Amino acid sequence: MIYISGIMSYQIDDVWTECKKYIELGNNKSQEEMSVEDIYNNCKDKDMQLWIVFKDDMQIQAVLTTQVIDYPQKRVCRIVTLGGQSMDEWTDTVLSTLEEWAEAQACHAMETVCRKGFIKKLKSFGYEHTYTILGKELSTKH
């Protein structure tokens, strides 16, 4: 059986050591908008949410983070990072749990910025390719 648990901000330190490598996996293809430490601080400050996917034996399968974004016209739950293994075993459980939680937070939609491979995988769950983000590092850092 697969379970997903949202981790309360005051519990982050209790699980962070086990979660950190999965956060790194989920963040390693980014353009370094956020460091793993930034994600940790955002979860502690309740600006992001930490979720753990695990089996009956408590073995972690994945760790993900979400963030509620208040756009001018609607509230959206964004999946920010996702790192793990055996995704086909838990995707449906995770998405249904996150979507239910997001609705309870008055979100009107879900979104994720993801790698190309996730587009096909998430299509069967009703997710559509809405736009593509391209990035380029500039020679000067601000």
Protein backbone atom coordinates (compact mmCIF):
# COMPACT_ATOMS: atom_id res chain seq x y z
CA MET A 1 0.00 0.00 0.00
CA ILE A 2 1.16 3.56 -0.76
CA TYR A 3 0.55 6.51 1.57
CA ILE A 4 1.21 10.22 1.32
CA SER A 5 1.58 12.43 4.35
CA GLY A 6 1.80 16.20 4.59
CA ILE A 7 4.43 17.22 7.11
CA MET A 8 3.59 20.03 9.51
CA SER A 9 6.08 22.89 9.60
CA TYR A 10 7.08 22.11 13.19
CA GLN A 11 7.91 18.51 12.14
CA ILE A 12 10.21 19.42 9.25
CA ASP A 13 13.40 19.02 11.29
CA ASP A 14 12.33 15.51 12.34
CA VAL A 15 12.26 14.26 8.72
CA TRP A 16 14.51 16.63 6.79
CA THR A 17 17.62 14.44 6.78
CA GLU A 18 15.69 11.60 5.10
CA CYS A 19 13.89 13.98 2.73
CA LYS A 20 16.78 16.16 1.63
CA LYS A 21 18.16 13.77 -1.03
CA TYR A 22 14.73 13.52 -2.67
CA ILE A 23 14.38 17.31 -2.65
CA GLU A 24 17.80 17.52 -4.32
CA LEU A 25 16.63 15.04 -7.00
CA GLY A 26 13.55 17.14 -7.63
CA ASN A 27 15.47 20.38 -7.72
CA ASN A 28 18.56 19.34 -9.68
CA LYS A 29 17.12 20.15 -13.13
CA SER A 30 16.01 23.64 -12.13
CA GLN A 31 17.78 26.83 -13.04
CA GLU A 32 18.75 27.26 -9.41
CA GLU A 33 15.86 29.60 -8.63
CA MET A 34 15.79 28.02 -5.18
CA SER A 35 18.36 26.07 -3.26
CA VAL A 36 17.49 23.07 -1.13
CA GLU A 37 18.07 25.34 1.87
CA ASP A 38 15.54 27.84 0.46
CA ILE A 39 13.01 25.04 0.13
CA TYR A 40 13.70 23.95 3.71
CA ASN A 41 13.19 27.52 4.97
CA ASN A 42 10.00 27.95 2.93
CA CYS A 43 8.58 24.73 4.39
CA LYS A 44 9.52 25.79 7.92
CA ASP A 45 7.94 29.22 7.32
CA LYS A 46 4.74 27.62 5.93
CA ASP A 47 5.28 29.23 2.50
CA MET A 48 5.63 25.74 0.98
CA GLN A 49 4.42 22.31 2.01
CA LEU A 50 6.46 19.11 2.36
CA TRP A 51 4.90 15.75 1.45
CA ILE A 52 6.33 12.24 1.90
CA VAL A 53 5.21 9.22 -0.13
CA PHE A 54 5.91 5.91 1.62
CA LYS A 55 5.00 2.23 1.71
CA ASP A 56 3.61 0.09 4.53
CA ASP A 57 7.15 -0.60 5.72
CA MET A 58 7.69 3.19 6.03
CA GLN A 59 10.22 3.11 3.17
CA ILE A 60 10.19 6.51 1.44
CA GLN A 61 9.24 6.31 -2.22
CA ALA A 62 9.23 10.04 -2.97
CA VAL A 63 9.25 13.50 -1.46
CA LEU A 64 7.60 16.50 -3.01
CA THR A 65 6.91 20.10 -2.20
CA THR A 66 3.95 22.26 -3.09
CA GLN A 67 3.18 25.94 -2.89
CA VAL A 68 -0.13 27.77 -2.99
CA ILE A 69 0.11 30.62 -5.50
CA ASP A 70 -2.37 33.47 -5.42
CA TYR A 71 -2.58 34.81 -8.96
CA PRO A 72 -4.75 37.89 -9.48
CA GLN A 73 -7.59 35.81 -10.96
CA LYS A 74 -7.30 32.48 -9.14
CA ARG A 75 -5.54 30.44 -6.49
CA VAL A 76 -3.40 27.53 -7.70
CA CYS A 77 -1.53 24.70 -6.02
CA ARG A 78 1.86 24.26 -7.67
CA ILE A 79 3.95 21.12 -7.37
CA VAL A 80 7.41 22.65 -6.99
CA THR A 81 9.72 19.67 -6.58
CA LEU A 82 9.26 15.94 -6.93
CA GLY A 83 11.96 13.35 -6.43
CA GLY A 84 11.58 9.65 -5.95
CA GLN A 85 11.33 6.18 -7.38
CA SER A 86 8.64 3.82 -8.72
CA MET A 87 6.44 6.71 -9.81
CA ASP A 88 3.89 4.46 -11.54
CA GLU A 89 3.09 2.86 -8.18
CA TRP A 90 1.98 6.05 -6.45
CA THR A 91 1.15 8.79 -8.96
CA ASP A 92 -2.63 8.33 -8.76
CA THR A 93 -2.64 8.26 -4.94
CA VAL A 94 -0.42 11.32 -4.70
CA LEU A 95 -2.32 13.38 -7.25
CA SER A 96 -5.74 12.59 -5.77
CA THR A 97 -4.48 13.48 -2.27
CA LEU A 98 -2.85 16.72 -3.41
CA GLU A 99 -5.87 17.74 -5.46
CA GLU A 100 -8.22 17.08 -2.54
CA TRP A 101 -5.94 19.08 -0.22
CA ALA A 102 -5.69 21.91 -2.77
CA GLU A 103 -9.47 22.15 -3.03
CA ALA A 104 -9.66 22.38 0.77
CA GLN A 105 -7.24 25.32 0.51
CA ALA A 106 -9.62 27.05 -1.94
CA CYS A 107 -7.36 26.39 -4.94
CA HIS A 108 -9.01 26.39 -8.34
CA ALA A 109 -6.28 24.55 -10.24
CA MET A 110 -3.08 22.53 -10.04
CA GLU A 111 0.12 23.29 -11.91
CA THR A 112 3.67 22.10 -12.10
CA VAL A 113 6.78 23.19 -13.92
CA CYS A 114 8.23 19.88 -14.99
CA ARG A 115 10.51 18.10 -17.38
CA LYS A 116 9.19 17.05 -20.77
CA GLY A 117 8.81 13.39 -19.73
CA PHE A 118 6.14 14.25 -17.17
CA ILE A 119 3.82 15.72 -19.82
CA LYS A 120 2.89 12.30 -21.21
CA LYS A 121 2.77 10.68 -17.76
CA LEU A 122 0.40 13.27 -16.27
CA LYS A 123 -1.88 13.49 -19.32
CA SER A 124 -3.79 10.37 -18.25
CA PHE A 125 -4.62 12.17 -14.97
CA GLY A 126 -6.23 15.10 -16.77
CA TYR A 127 -3.21 17.41 -16.82
CA GLU A 128 -2.65 19.36 -20.03
CA HIS A 129 0.45 20.95 -21.48
CA THR A 130 -0.48 24.60 -21.02
CA TYR A 131 2.82 26.32 -21.72
CA THR A 132 6.53 25.71 -21.94
CA ILE A 133 9.20 27.57 -20.03
CA LEU A 134 12.59 27.96 -21.62
CA GLY A 135 15.56 29.28 -19.66
CA LYS A 136 19.03 30.56 -20.27
CA GLU A 137 21.70 31.51 -17.80
CA LEU A 138 23.17 34.97 -18.35
CA SER A 139 26.81 35.77 -17.92
CA THR A 140 26.19 38.09 -15.00
CA LYS A 141 24.41 37.06 -11.81
CA HIS A 142 22.35 39.65 -10.06
